[in-house]
Amino acid sequence: VAEAWADPRSGARLVSRVVQATCSPIRNPLPAYMKVVIRAAALGKARPTGRLLAGKVPRSPLRWELTRGPWFDNNLAVLELLGDRLRFRWSGGEVRDGRPTHATLRTVAEVDVPT
């Protein structure tokens, strides 16, 4: 989950909250090196490399901060609109006792965002 705000240097102004939540589709598990690369990018460690590769592309008027995650489980995401807030829930499948016919969902993460 990431939240954006206007970069004061850009002169931009936000009139509403900007939140981004993503969920990758069901897939095979990521190799360890990919988790390291994705985590580094998500936490801003790759920002200098990104600026170098961007060349003369203008800076975005928005700045982003990762507020929760990332999670690398095979997840399904659900968004609930609850009047005064948004609830994001990521669930993953779990097979107990090696019996696929007894699969259950477990909550990987749940995030409430006030509206």
PDB file of N, CA and C in Angstrom:
ATOM      1  N   VAL A   1       0.862  -1.162   0.000  1.00  0.00           N
ATOM      2  CA  VAL A   1       0.000   0.000   0.000  1.00  0.00           C
ATOM      3  C   VAL A   1       0.909   1.225   0.000  1.00  0.00           C
ATOM      4  N   ALA A   2       0.612   2.170  -0.858  1.00  0.00           N
ATOM      5  CA  ALA A   2       1.412   3.394  -0.943  1.00  0.00           C
ATOM      6  C   ALA A   2       0.483   4.597  -0.937  1.00  0.00           C
ATOM      7  N   GLU A   3       0.989   5.698  -0.443  1.00  0.00           N
ATOM      8  CA  GLU A   3       0.220   6.942  -0.425  1.00  0.00           C
ATOM      9  C   GLU A   3       1.043   8.037  -1.095  1.00  0.00           C
ATOM     10  N   ALA A   4       0.341   8.890  -1.835  1.00  0.00           N
ATOM     11  CA  ALA A   4       1.003   9.976  -2.569  1.00  0.00           C
ATOM     12  C   ALA A   4       0.698  11.314  -1.921  1.00  0.00           C
ATOM     13  N   TRP A   5       1.617  12.252  -2.119  1.00  0.00           N
ATOM     14  CA  TRP A   5       1.389  13.641  -1.729  1.00  0.00           C
ATOM     15  C   TRP A   5       2.050  14.519  -2.780  1.00  0.00           C
ATOM     16  N   ALA A   6       1.608  15.754  -2.840  1.00  0.00           N
ATOM     17  CA  ALA A   6       2.154  16.691  -3.831  1.00  0.00           C
ATOM     18  C   ALA A   6       3.556  17.116  -3.414  1.00  0.00           C
ATOM     19  N   ASP A   7       4.477  17.085  -4.364  1.00  0.00           N
ATOM     20  CA  ASP A   7       5.837  17.555  -4.125  1.00  0.00           C
ATOM     21  C   ASP A   7       5.776  19.076  -4.032  1.00  0.00           C
ATOM     22  N   PRO A   8       6.155  19.669  -2.895  1.00  0.00           N
ATOM     23  CA  PRO A   8       6.074  21.124  -2.749  1.00  0.00           C
ATOM     24  C   PRO A   8       6.848  21.881  -3.824  1.00  0.00           C
ATOM     25  N   ARG A   9       7.930  21.286  -4.338  1.00  0.00           N
ATOM     26  CA  ARG A   9       8.726  21.956  -5.375  1.00  0.00           C
ATOM     27  C   ARG A   9       8.001  22.025  -6.712  1.00  0.00           C
ATOM     28  N   SER A  10       6.980  21.193  -6.901  1.00  0.00           N
ATOM     29  CA  SER A  10       6.297  21.145  -8.198  1.00  0.00           C
ATOM     30  C   SER A  10       5.197  22.192  -8.320  1.00  0.00           C
ATOM     31  N   GLY A  11       4.742  22.723  -7.192  1.00  0.00           N
ATOM     32  CA  GLY A  11       3.616  23.655  -7.224  1.00  0.00           C
ATOM     33  C   GLY A  11       2.277  22.941  -7.331  1.00  0.00           C
ATOM     34  N   ALA A  12       2.292  21.626  -7.445  1.00  0.00           N
ATOM     35  CA  ALA A  12       1.043  20.853  -7.535  1.00  0.00           C
ATOM     36  C   ALA A  12       0.330  20.863  -6.187  1.00  0.00           C
ATOM     37  N   ARG A  13      -0.968  20.646  -6.243  1.00  0.00           N
ATOM     38  CA  ARG A  13      -1.780  20.619  -5.030  1.00  0.00           C
ATOM     39  C   ARG A  13      -2.787  19.479  -5.151  1.00  0.00           C
ATOM     40  N   LEU A  14      -2.875  18.648  -4.151  1.00  0.00           N
ATOM     41  CA  LEU A  14      -3.870  17.575  -4.145  1.00  0.00           C
ATOM     42  C   LEU A  14      -5.106  18.043  -3.390  1.00  0.00           C
ATOM     43  N   VAL A  15      -6.265  17.687  -3.909  1.00  0.00           N
ATOM     44  CA  VAL A  15      -7.509  18.043  -3.225  1.00  0.00           C
ATOM     45  C   VAL A  15      -8.180  16.811  -2.623  1.00  0.00           C
ATOM     46  N   SER A  16      -7.583  15.656  -2.819  1.00  0.00           N
ATOM     47  CA  SER A  16      -8.091  14.438  -2.198  1.00  0.00           C
ATOM     48  C   SER A  16      -6.916  13.515  -1.891  1.00  0.00           C
ATOM     49  N   ARG A  17      -7.181  12.547  -1.067  1.00  0.00           N
ATOM     50  CA  ARG A  17      -6.163  11.573  -0.694  1.00  0.00           C
ATOM     51  C   ARG A  17      -5.920  10.621  -1.866  1.00  0.00           C
ATOM     52  N   VAL A  18      -4.664  10.248  -2.100  1.00  0.00           N
ATOM     53  CA  VAL A  18      -4.314   9.323  -3.178  1.00  0.00           C
ATOM     54  C   VAL A  18      -3.615   8.114  -2.549  1.00  0.00           C
ATOM     55  N   VAL A  19      -4.265   6.960  -2.668  1.00  0.00           N
ATOM     56  CA  VAL A  19      -3.745   5.715  -2.106  1.00  0.00           C
ATOM     57  C   VAL A  19      -3.716   4.678  -3.218  1.00  0.00           C
ATOM     58  N   GLN A  20      -2.646   3.903  -3.281  1.00  0.00           N
ATOM     59  CA  GLN A  20      -2.542   2.837  -4.274  1.00  0.00           C
ATOM     60  C   GLN A  20      -2.332   1.510  -3.552  1.00  0.00           C
ATOM     61  N   ALA A  21      -3.155   0.535  -3.910  1.00  0.00           N
ATOM     62  CA  ALA A  21      -2.993  -0.821  -3.383  1.00  0.00           C
ATOM     63  C   ALA A  21      -2.988  -1.765  -4.573  1.00  0.00           C
ATOM     64  N   THR A  22      -2.061  -2.696  -4.572  1.00  0.00           N
ATOM     65  CA  THR A  22      -1.971  -3.630  -5.696  1.00  0.00           C
ATOM     66  C   THR A  22      -1.924  -5.063  -5.185  1.00  0.00           C
ATOM     67  N   CYS A  23      -2.273  -5.963  -6.073  1.00  0.00           N
ATOM     68  CA  CYS A  23      -2.185  -7.388  -5.779  1.00  0.00           C
ATOM     69  C   CYS A  23      -1.829  -8.096  -7.070  1.00  0.00           C
ATOM     70  N   SER A  24      -0.705  -8.779  -7.062  1.00  0.00           N
ATOM     71  CA  SER A  24      -0.314  -9.546  -8.241  1.00  0.00           C
ATOM     72  C   SER A  24      -1.225 -10.754  -8.378  1.00  0.00           C
ATOM     73  N   PRO A  25      -1.402 -11.206  -9.601  1.00  0.00           N
ATOM     74  CA  PRO A  25      -2.248 -12.390  -9.788  1.00  0.00           C
ATOM     75  C   PRO A  25      -1.596 -13.631  -9.192  1.00  0.00           C
ATOM     76  N   ILE A  26      -2.397 -14.660  -9.066  1.00  0.00           N
ATOM     77  CA  ILE A  26      -1.873 -15.940  -8.590  1.00  0.00           C
ATOM     78  C   ILE A  26      -0.752 -16.379  -9.537  1.00  0.00           C
ATOM     79  N   ARG A  27       0.363 -16.786  -8.981  1.00  0.00           N
ATOM     80  CA  ARG A  27       1.529 -17.131  -9.795  1.00  0.00           C
ATOM     81  C   ARG A  27       2.400 -18.103  -9.008  1.00  0.00           C
ATOM     82  N   ASN A  28       3.420 -18.601  -9.673  1.00  0.00           N
ATOM     83  CA  ASN A  28       4.397 -19.437  -8.982  1.00  0.00           C
ATOM     84  C   ASN A  28       5.184 -18.565  -8.010  1.00  0.00           C
ATOM     85  N   PRO A  29       5.723 -19.142  -6.946  1.00  0.00           N
ATOM     86  CA  PRO A  29       6.494 -18.351  -5.981  1.00  0.00           C
ATOM     87  C   PRO A  29       7.661 -17.621  -6.654  1.00  0.00           C
ATOM     88  N   LEU A  30       7.930 -16.404  -6.177  1.00  0.00           N
ATOM     89  CA  LEU A  30       9.052 -15.632  -6.707  1.00  0.00           C
ATOM     90  C   LEU A  30      10.370 -16.188  -6.183  1.00  0.00           C
ATOM     91  N   PRO A  31      11.405 -16.186  -7.031  1.00  0.00           N
ATOM     92  CA  PRO A  31      12.733 -16.555  -6.530  1.00  0.00           C
ATOM     93  C   PRO A  31      13.216 -15.494  -5.529  1.00  0.00           C
ATOM     94  N   ALA A  32      14.085 -15.894  -4.640  1.00  0.00           N
ATOM     95  CA  ALA A  32      14.573 -15.001  -3.582  1.00  0.00           C
ATOM     96  C   ALA A  32      15.158 -13.708  -4.139  1.00  0.00           C
ATOM     97  N   TYR A  33      15.936 -13.780  -5.239  1.00  0.00           N
ATOM     98  CA  TYR A  33      16.561 -12.565  -5.770  1.00  0.00           C
ATOM     99  C   TYR A  33      15.504 -11.566  -6.255  1.00  0.00           C
ATOM    100  N   MET A  34      14.376 -12.054  -6.789  1.00  0.00           N
ATOM    101  CA  MET A  34      13.316 -11.144  -7.243  1.00  0.00           C
ATOM    102  C   MET A  34      12.666 -10.438  -6.058  1.00  0.00           C
ATOM    103  N   LYS A  35      12.503 -11.144  -4.946  1.00  0.00           N
ATOM    104  CA  LYS A  35      11.946 -10.523  -3.741  1.00  0.00           C
ATOM    105  C   LYS A  35      12.848  -9.385  -3.275  1.00  0.00           C
ATOM    106  N   VAL A  36      14.163  -9.602  -3.326  1.00  0.00           N
ATOM    107  CA  VAL A  36      15.122  -8.568  -2.922  1.00  0.00           C
ATOM    108  C   VAL A  36      14.999  -7.352  -3.836  1.00  0.00           C
ATOM    109  N   VAL A  37      14.934  -7.570  -5.147  1.00  0.00           N
ATOM    110  CA  VAL A  37      14.828  -6.468  -6.114  1.00  0.00           C
ATOM    111  C   VAL A  37      13.527  -5.701  -5.907  1.00  0.00           C
ATOM    112  N   ILE A  38      12.416  -6.396  -5.766  1.00  0.00           N
ATOM    113  CA  ILE A  38      11.115  -5.738  -5.592  1.00  0.00           C
ATOM    114  C   ILE A  38      11.078  -4.964  -4.282  1.00  0.00           C
ATOM    115  N   ARG A  39      11.592  -5.566  -3.214  1.00  0.00           N
ATOM    116  CA  ARG A  39      11.596  -4.878  -1.917  1.00  0.00           C
ATOM    117  C   ARG A  39      12.458  -3.611  -1.990  1.00  0.00           C
ATOM    118  N   ALA A  40      13.615  -3.685  -2.640  1.00  0.00           N
ATOM    119  CA  ALA A  40      14.491  -2.510  -2.776  1.00  0.00           C
ATOM    120  C   ALA A  40      13.784  -1.405  -3.551  1.00  0.00           C
ATOM    121  N   ALA A  41      13.105  -1.771  -4.625  1.00  0.00           N
ATOM    122  CA  ALA A  41      12.379  -0.769  -5.414  1.00  0.00           C
ATOM    123  C   ALA A  41      11.242  -0.164  -4.600  1.00  0.00           C
ATOM    124  N   ALA A  42      10.509  -0.995  -3.880  1.00  0.00           N
ATOM    125  CA  ALA A  42       9.366  -0.514  -3.104  1.00  0.00           C
ATOM    126  C   ALA A  42       9.794   0.405  -1.966  1.00  0.00           C
ATOM    127  N   LEU A  43      10.948   0.167  -1.402  1.00  0.00           N
ATOM    128  CA  LEU A  43      11.413   0.973  -0.270  1.00  0.00           C
ATOM    129  C   LEU A  43      12.232   2.187  -0.701  1.00  0.00           C
ATOM    130  N   GLY A  44      12.326   2.424  -2.003  1.00  0.00           N
ATOM    131  CA  GLY A  44      13.013   3.613  -2.494  1.00  0.00           C
ATOM    132  C   GLY A  44      14.508   3.453  -2.675  1.00  0.00           C
ATOM    133  N   LYS A  45      15.051   2.277  -2.415  1.00  0.00           N
ATOM    134  CA  LYS A  45      16.498   2.072  -2.540  1.00  0.00           C
ATOM    135  C   LYS A  45      16.958   2.161  -3.994  1.00  0.00           C
ATOM    136  N   ALA A  46      16.037   1.936  -4.921  1.00  0.00           N
ATOM    137  CA  ALA A  46      16.389   1.966  -6.348  1.00  0.00           C
ATOM    138  C   ALA A  46      16.137   3.338  -6.976  1.00  0.00           C
ATOM    139  N   ARG A  47      15.733   4.313  -6.170  1.00  0.00           N
ATOM    140  CA  ARG A  47      15.391   5.636  -6.706  1.00  0.00           C
ATOM    141  C   ARG A  47      16.531   6.285  -7.492  1.00  0.00           C
ATOM    142  N   PRO A  48      17.780   6.307  -6.999  1.00  0.00           N
ATOM    143  CA  PRO A  48      18.858   6.930  -7.790  1.00  0.00           C
ATOM    144  C   PRO A  48      19.036   6.274  -9.159  1.00  0.00           C
ATOM    145  N   THR A  49      18.958   4.948  -9.206  1.00  0.00           N
ATOM    146  CA  THR A  49      19.079   4.253 -10.494  1.00  0.00           C
ATOM    147  C   THR A  49      17.919   4.629 -11.404  1.00  0.00           C
ATOM    148  N   GLY A  50      16.725   4.709 -10.849  1.00  0.00           N
ATOM    149  CA  GLY A  50      15.549   5.092 -11.636  1.00  0.00           C
ATOM    150  C   GLY A  50      15.685   6.486 -12.218  1.00  0.00           C
ATOM    151  N   ARG A  51      16.189   7.434 -11.430  1.00  0.00           N
ATOM    152  CA  ARG A  51      16.372   8.807 -11.934  1.00  0.00           C
ATOM    153  C   ARG A  51      17.386   8.815 -13.072  1.00  0.00           C
ATOM    154  N   LEU A  52      18.459   8.055 -12.916  1.00  0.00           N
ATOM    155  CA  LEU A  52      19.478   7.988 -13.956  1.00  0.00           C
ATOM    156  C   LEU A  52      18.888   7.416 -15.249  1.00  0.00           C
ATOM    157  N   LEU A  53      18.118   6.354 -15.146  1.00  0.00           N
ATOM    158  CA  LEU A  53      17.514   5.732 -16.326  1.00  0.00           C
ATOM    159  C   LEU A  53      16.430   6.611 -16.947  1.00  0.00           C
ATOM    160  N   ALA A  54      15.785   7.446 -16.139  1.00  0.00           N
ATOM    161  CA  ALA A  54      14.705   8.300 -16.648  1.00  0.00           C
ATOM    162  C   ALA A  54      15.238   9.406 -17.545  1.00  0.00           C
ATOM    163  N   GLY A  55      16.511   9.739 -17.387  1.00  0.00           N
ATOM    164  CA  GLY A  55      17.105  10.769 -18.246  1.00  0.00           C
ATOM    165  C   GLY A  55      16.398  12.103 -18.111  1.00  0.00           C
ATOM    166  N   LYS A  56      15.851  12.611 -19.212  1.00  0.00           N
ATOM    167  CA  LYS A  56      15.240  13.944 -19.220  1.00  0.00           C
ATOM    168  C   LYS A  56      13.731  13.919 -19.008  1.00  0.00           C
ATOM    169  N   VAL A  57      13.196  12.782 -18.607  1.00  0.00           N
ATOM    170  CA  VAL A  57      11.763  12.714 -18.321  1.00  0.00           C
ATOM    171  C   VAL A  57      11.493  13.605 -17.109  1.00  0.00           C
ATOM    172  N   PRO A  58      10.510  14.511 -17.192  1.00  0.00           N
ATOM    173  CA  PRO A  58      10.237  15.404 -16.059  1.00  0.00           C
ATOM    174  C   PRO A  58       9.849  14.619 -14.803  1.00  0.00           C
ATOM    175  N   ARG A  59      10.231  15.160 -13.659  1.00  0.00           N
ATOM    176  CA  ARG A  59       9.853  14.550 -12.380  1.00  0.00           C
ATOM    177  C   ARG A  59       8.346  14.599 -12.222  1.00  0.00           C
ATOM    178  N   SER A  60       7.811  13.595 -11.593  1.00  0.00           N
ATOM    179  CA  SER A  60       6.382  13.571 -11.282  1.00  0.00           C
ATOM    180  C   SER A  60       6.092  14.632 -10.223  1.00  0.00           C
ATOM    181  N   PRO A  61       4.925  15.281 -10.290  1.00  0.00           N
ATOM    182  CA  PRO A  61       4.560  16.232  -9.239  1.00  0.00           C
ATOM    183  C   PRO A  61       4.151  15.529  -7.944  1.00  0.00           C
ATOM    184  N   LEU A  62       4.088  14.204  -7.973  1.00  0.00           N
ATOM    185  CA  LEU A  62       3.707  13.443  -6.782  1.00  0.00           C
ATOM    186  C   LEU A  62       4.911  12.731  -6.190  1.00  0.00           C
ATOM    187  N   ARG A  63       4.909  12.600  -4.899  1.00  0.00           N
ATOM    188  CA  ARG A  63       5.880  11.789  -4.174  1.00  0.00           C
ATOM    189  C   ARG A  63       5.096  10.644  -3.551  1.00  0.00           C
ATOM    190  N   TRP A  64       5.718   9.488  -3.461  1.00  0.00           N
ATOM    191  CA  TRP A  64       5.048   8.296  -2.951  1.00  0.00           C
ATOM    192  C   TRP A  64       5.799   7.732  -1.762  1.00  0.00           C
ATOM    193  N   GLU A  65       5.048   7.168  -0.822  1.00  0.00           N
ATOM    194  CA  GLU A  65       5.651   6.476   0.316  1.00  0.00           C
ATOM    195  C   GLU A  65       4.933   5.148   0.506  1.00  0.00           C
ATOM    196  N   LEU A  66       5.711   4.098   0.647  1.00  0.00           N
ATOM    197  CA  LEU A  66       5.155   2.790   0.949  1.00  0.00           C
ATOM    198  C   LEU A  66       4.735   2.800   2.410  1.00  0.00           C
ATOM    199  N   THR A  67       3.462   2.519   2.684  1.00  0.00           N
ATOM    200  CA  THR A  67       2.972   2.556   4.059  1.00  0.00           C
ATOM    201  C   THR A  67       2.779   1.171   4.660  1.00  0.00           C
ATOM    202  N   ARG A  68       2.573   0.154   3.819  1.00  0.00           N
ATOM    203  CA  ARG A  68       2.444  -1.238   4.279  1.00  0.00           C
ATOM    204  C   ARG A  68       2.911  -2.165   3.165  1.00  0.00           C
ATOM    205  N   GLY A  69       3.452  -3.323   3.537  1.00  0.00           N
ATOM    206  CA  GLY A  69       3.868  -4.312   2.548  1.00  0.00           C
ATOM    207  C   GLY A  69       5.310  -4.069   2.128  1.00  0.00           C
ATOM    208  N   PRO A  70       5.772  -4.708   1.081  1.00  0.00           N
ATOM    209  CA  PRO A  70       5.050  -5.634   0.198  1.00  0.00           C
ATOM    210  C   PRO A  70       4.960  -7.036   0.796  1.00  0.00           C
ATOM    211  N   TRP A  71       3.983  -7.795   0.307  1.00  0.00           N
ATOM    212  CA  TRP A  71       3.802  -9.191   0.681  1.00  0.00           C
ATOM    213  C   TRP A  71       4.006 -10.021  -0.568  1.00  0.00           C
ATOM    214  N   PHE A  72       4.678 -11.142  -0.434  1.00  0.00           N
ATOM    215  CA  PHE A  72       5.041 -11.950  -1.593  1.00  0.00           C
ATOM    216  C   PHE A  72       4.262 -13.258  -1.680  1.00  0.00           C
ATOM    217  N   ASP A  73       3.227 -13.403  -0.883  1.00  0.00           N
ATOM    218  CA  ASP A  73       2.391 -14.601  -0.957  1.00  0.00           C
ATOM    219  C   ASP A  73       1.565 -14.572  -2.242  1.00  0.00           C
ATOM    220  N   ASN A  74       1.037 -15.702  -2.638  1.00  0.00           N
ATOM    221  CA  ASN A  74       0.030 -15.727  -3.697  1.00  0.00           C
ATOM    222  C   ASN A  74      -1.265 -15.266  -3.047  1.00  0.00           C
ATOM    223  N   ASN A  75      -1.703 -14.076  -3.404  1.00  0.00           N
ATOM    224  CA  ASN A  75      -2.834 -13.462  -2.720  1.00  0.00           C
ATOM    225  C   ASN A  75      -3.999 -13.170  -3.647  1.00  0.00           C
ATOM    226  N   LEU A  76      -5.146 -13.042  -3.036  1.00  0.00           N
ATOM    227  CA  LEU A  76      -6.323 -12.443  -3.655  1.00  0.00           C
ATOM    228  C   LEU A  76      -6.639 -11.226  -2.806  1.00  0.00           C
ATOM    229  N   ALA A  77      -6.970 -10.110  -3.439  1.00  0.00           N
ATOM    230  CA  ALA A  77      -7.251  -8.884  -2.695  1.00  0.00           C
ATOM    231  C   ALA A  77      -8.734  -8.547  -2.784  1.00  0.00           C
ATOM    232  N   VAL A  78      -9.247  -7.986  -1.695  1.00  0.00           N
ATOM    233  CA  VAL A  78     -10.636  -7.537  -1.628  1.00  0.00           C
ATOM    234  C   VAL A  78     -10.627  -6.109  -1.104  1.00  0.00           C
ATOM    235  N   LEU A  79     -11.426  -5.262  -1.729  1.00  0.00           N
ATOM    236  CA  LEU A  79     -11.601  -3.882  -1.275  1.00  0.00           C
ATOM    237  C   LEU A  79     -13.031  -3.739  -0.775  1.00  0.00           C
ATOM    238  N   GLU A  80     -13.188  -3.288   0.476  1.00  0.00           N
ATOM    239  CA  GLU A  80     -14.511  -3.016   1.031  1.00  0.00           C
ATOM    240  C   GLU A  80     -14.659  -1.514   1.221  1.00  0.00           C
ATOM    241  N   LEU A  81     -15.804  -0.968   0.815  1.00  0.00           N
ATOM    242  CA  LEU A  81     -16.133   0.438   1.040  1.00  0.00           C
ATOM    243  C   LEU A  81     -17.014   0.488   2.278  1.00  0.00           C
ATOM    244  N   LEU A  82     -16.510   1.087   3.358  1.00  0.00           N
ATOM    245  CA  LEU A  82     -17.197   1.035   4.648  1.00  0.00           C
ATOM    246  C   LEU A  82     -17.663   2.404   5.137  1.00  0.00           C
ATOM    247  N   GLY A  83     -18.050   3.275   4.257  1.00  0.00           N
ATOM    248  CA  GLY A  83     -18.559   4.587   4.658  1.00  0.00           C
ATOM    249  C   GLY A  83     -17.459   5.554   5.035  1.00  0.00           C
ATOM    250  N   ASP A  84     -16.857   5.368   6.215  1.00  0.00           N
ATOM    251  CA  ASP A  84     -15.833   6.298   6.690  1.00  0.00           C
ATOM    252  C   ASP A  84     -14.415   5.820   6.392  1.00  0.00           C
ATOM    253  N   ARG A  85     -14.298   4.658   5.746  1.00  0.00           N
ATOM    254  CA  ARG A  85     -12.960   4.132   5.455  1.00  0.00           C
ATOM    255  C   ARG A  85     -13.027   3.085   4.343  1.00  0.00           C
ATOM    256  N   LEU A  86     -11.853   2.794   3.812  1.00  0.00           N
ATOM    257  CA  LEU A  86     -11.674   1.697   2.862  1.00  0.00           C
ATOM    258  C   LEU A  86     -10.948   0.586   3.607  1.00  0.00           C
ATOM    259  N   ARG A  87     -11.344  -0.645   3.365  1.00  0.00           N
ATOM    260  CA  ARG A  87     -10.620  -1.770   3.964  1.00  0.00           C
ATOM    261  C   ARG A  87     -10.070  -2.626   2.832  1.00  0.00           C
ATOM    262  N   PHE A  88      -8.761  -2.788   2.846  1.00  0.00           N
ATOM    263  CA  PHE A  88      -8.076  -3.659   1.899  1.00  0.00           C
ATOM    264  C   PHE A  88      -7.707  -4.940   2.643  1.00  0.00           C
ATOM    265  N   ARG A  89      -8.002  -6.081   2.042  1.00  0.00           N
ATOM    266  CA  ARG A  89      -7.637  -7.351   2.661  1.00  0.00           C
ATOM    267  C   ARG A  89      -6.989  -8.253   1.614  1.00  0.00           C
ATOM    268  N   TRP A  90      -5.820  -8.781   1.962  1.00  0.00           N
ATOM    269  CA  TRP A  90      -5.115  -9.730   1.114  1.00  0.00           C
ATOM    270  C   TRP A  90      -5.211 -11.093   1.786  1.00  0.00           C
ATOM    271  N   SER A  91      -5.699 -12.076   1.045  1.00  0.00           N
ATOM    272  CA  SER A  91      -5.849 -13.432   1.572  1.00  0.00           C
ATOM    273  C   SER A  91      -5.060 -14.402   0.712  1.00  0.00           C
ATOM    274  N   GLY A  92      -4.523 -15.405   1.368  1.00  0.00           N
ATOM    275  CA  GLY A  92      -3.777 -16.444   0.664  1.00  0.00           C
ATOM    276  C   GLY A  92      -4.336 -17.814   1.003  1.00  0.00           C
ATOM    277  N   GLY A  93      -4.196 -18.741   0.090  1.00  0.00           N
ATOM    278  CA  GLY A  93      -4.676 -20.096   0.321  1.00  0.00           C
ATOM    279  C   GLY A  93      -3.719 -20.886   1.192  1.00  0.00           C
ATOM    280  N   GLU A  94      -4.282 -21.794   1.945  1.00  0.00           N
ATOM    281  CA  GLU A  94      -3.473 -22.632   2.819  1.00  0.00           C
ATOM    282  C   GLU A  94      -4.038 -24.048   2.781  1.00  0.00           C
ATOM    283  N   VAL A  95      -3.177 -25.014   2.532  1.00  0.00           N
ATOM    284  CA  VAL A  95      -3.586 -26.420   2.550  1.00  0.00           C
ATOM    285  C   VAL A  95      -3.092 -27.014   3.859  1.00  0.00           C
ATOM    286  N   ARG A  96      -4.011 -27.545   4.632  1.00  0.00           N
ATOM    287  CA  ARG A  96      -3.632 -28.118   5.927  1.00  0.00           C
ATOM    288  C   ARG A  96      -3.519 -29.634   5.820  1.00  0.00           C
ATOM    289  N   ASP A  97      -2.586 -30.172   6.535  1.00  0.00           N
ATOM    290  CA  ASP A  97      -2.392 -31.626   6.600  1.00  0.00           C
ATOM    291  C   ASP A  97      -2.182 -32.257   5.231  1.00  0.00           C
ATOM    292  N   GLY A  98      -1.699 -31.469   4.243  1.00  0.00           N
ATOM    293  CA  GLY A  98      -1.441 -32.018   2.917  1.00  0.00           C
ATOM    294  C   GLY A  98      -2.687 -32.466   2.176  1.00  0.00           C
ATOM    295  N   ARG A  99      -3.852 -31.967   2.581  1.00  0.00           N
ATOM    296  CA  ARG A  99      -5.116 -32.384   1.968  1.00  0.00           C
ATOM    297  C   ARG A  99      -5.722 -31.210   1.190  1.00  0.00           C
ATOM    298  N   PRO A 100      -5.496 -31.145  -0.132  1.00  0.00           N
ATOM    299  CA  PRO A 100      -5.995 -30.028  -0.938  1.00  0.00           C
ATOM    300  C   PRO A 100      -7.507 -29.838  -0.864  1.00  0.00           C
ATOM    301  N   THR A 101      -8.232 -30.879  -0.523  1.00  0.00           N
ATOM    302  CA  THR A 101      -9.692 -30.742  -0.418  1.00  0.00           C
ATOM    303  C   THR A 101     -10.095 -29.978   0.836  1.00  0.00           C
ATOM    304  N   HIS A 102      -9.141 -29.710   1.710  1.00  0.00           N
ATOM    305  CA  HIS A 102      -9.422 -28.957   2.935  1.00  0.00           C
ATOM    306  C   HIS A 102      -8.683 -27.616   2.943  1.00  0.00           C
ATOM    307  N   ALA A 103      -8.602 -27.008   1.782  1.00  0.00           N
ATOM    308  CA  ALA A 103      -7.919 -25.707   1.670  1.00  0.00           C
ATOM    309  C   ALA A 103      -8.754 -24.621   2.348  1.00  0.00           C
ATOM    310  N   THR A 104      -8.062 -23.668   2.944  1.00  0.00           N
ATOM    311  CA  THR A 104      -8.727 -22.531   3.587  1.00  0.00           C
ATOM    312  C   THR A 104      -8.035 -21.240   3.156  1.00  0.00           C
ATOM    313  N   LEU A 105      -8.686 -20.128   3.440  1.00  0.00           N
ATOM    314  CA  LEU A 105      -8.076 -18.819   3.217  1.00  0.00           C
ATOM    315  C   LEU A 105      -7.558 -18.294   4.543  1.00  0.00           C
ATOM    316  N   ARG A 106      -6.396 -17.692   4.497  1.00  0.00           N
ATOM    317  CA  ARG A 106      -5.860 -17.016   5.686  1.00  0.00           C
ATOM    318  C   ARG A 106      -5.605 -15.564   5.318  1.00  0.00           C
ATOM    319  N   THR A 107      -5.794 -14.676   6.263  1.00  0.00           N
ATOM    320  CA  THR A 107      -5.552 -13.258   6.024  1.00  0.00           C
ATOM    321  C   THR A 107      -4.055 -12.999   6.094  1.00  0.00           C
ATOM    322  N   VAL A 108      -3.507 -12.474   5.008  1.00  0.00           N
ATOM    323  CA  VAL A 108      -2.088 -12.120   4.947  1.00  0.00           C
ATOM    324  C   VAL A 108      -1.903 -10.721   5.520  1.00  0.00           C
ATOM    325  N   ALA A 109      -2.806  -9.808   5.152  1.00  0.00           N
ATOM    326  CA  ALA A 109      -2.732  -8.429   5.645  1.00  0.00           C
ATOM    327  C   ALA A 109      -4.102  -7.785   5.517  1.00  0.00           C
ATOM    328  N   GLU A 110      -4.356  -6.840   6.398  1.00  0.00           N
ATOM    329  CA  GLU A 110      -5.591  -6.058   6.339  1.00  0.00           C
ATOM    330  C   GLU A 110      -5.226  -4.615   6.682  1.00  0.00           C
ATOM    331  N   VAL A 111      -5.658  -3.695   5.849  1.00  0.00           N
ATOM    332  CA  VAL A 111      -5.311  -2.284   6.028  1.00  0.00           C
ATOM    333  C   VAL A 111      -6.580  -1.455   5.908  1.00  0.00           C
ATOM    334  N   ASP A 112      -6.854  -0.623   6.912  1.00  0.00           N
ATOM    335  CA  ASP A 112      -7.964   0.332   6.852  1.00  0.00           C
ATOM    336  C   ASP A 112      -7.404   1.706   6.522  1.00  0.00           C
ATOM    337  N   VAL A 113      -8.054   2.393   5.586  1.00  0.00           N
ATOM    338  CA  VAL A 113      -7.646   3.740   5.187  1.00  0.00           C
ATOM    339  C   VAL A 113      -8.836   4.668   5.400  1.00  0.00           C
ATOM    340  N   PRO A 114      -8.731   5.632   6.325  1.00  0.00           N
ATOM    341  CA  PRO A 114      -9.838   6.579   6.517  1.00  0.00           C
ATOM    342  C   PRO A 114     -10.097   7.379   5.245  1.00  0.00           C
ATOM    343  N   THR A 115     -11.373   7.648   4.969  1.00  0.00           N
ATOM    344  CA  THR A 115     -11.712   8.430   3.772  1.00  0.00           C
ATOM    345  C   THR A 115     -11.885   9.894   4.112  1.00  0.00           C
TER     346      THR A 115
END
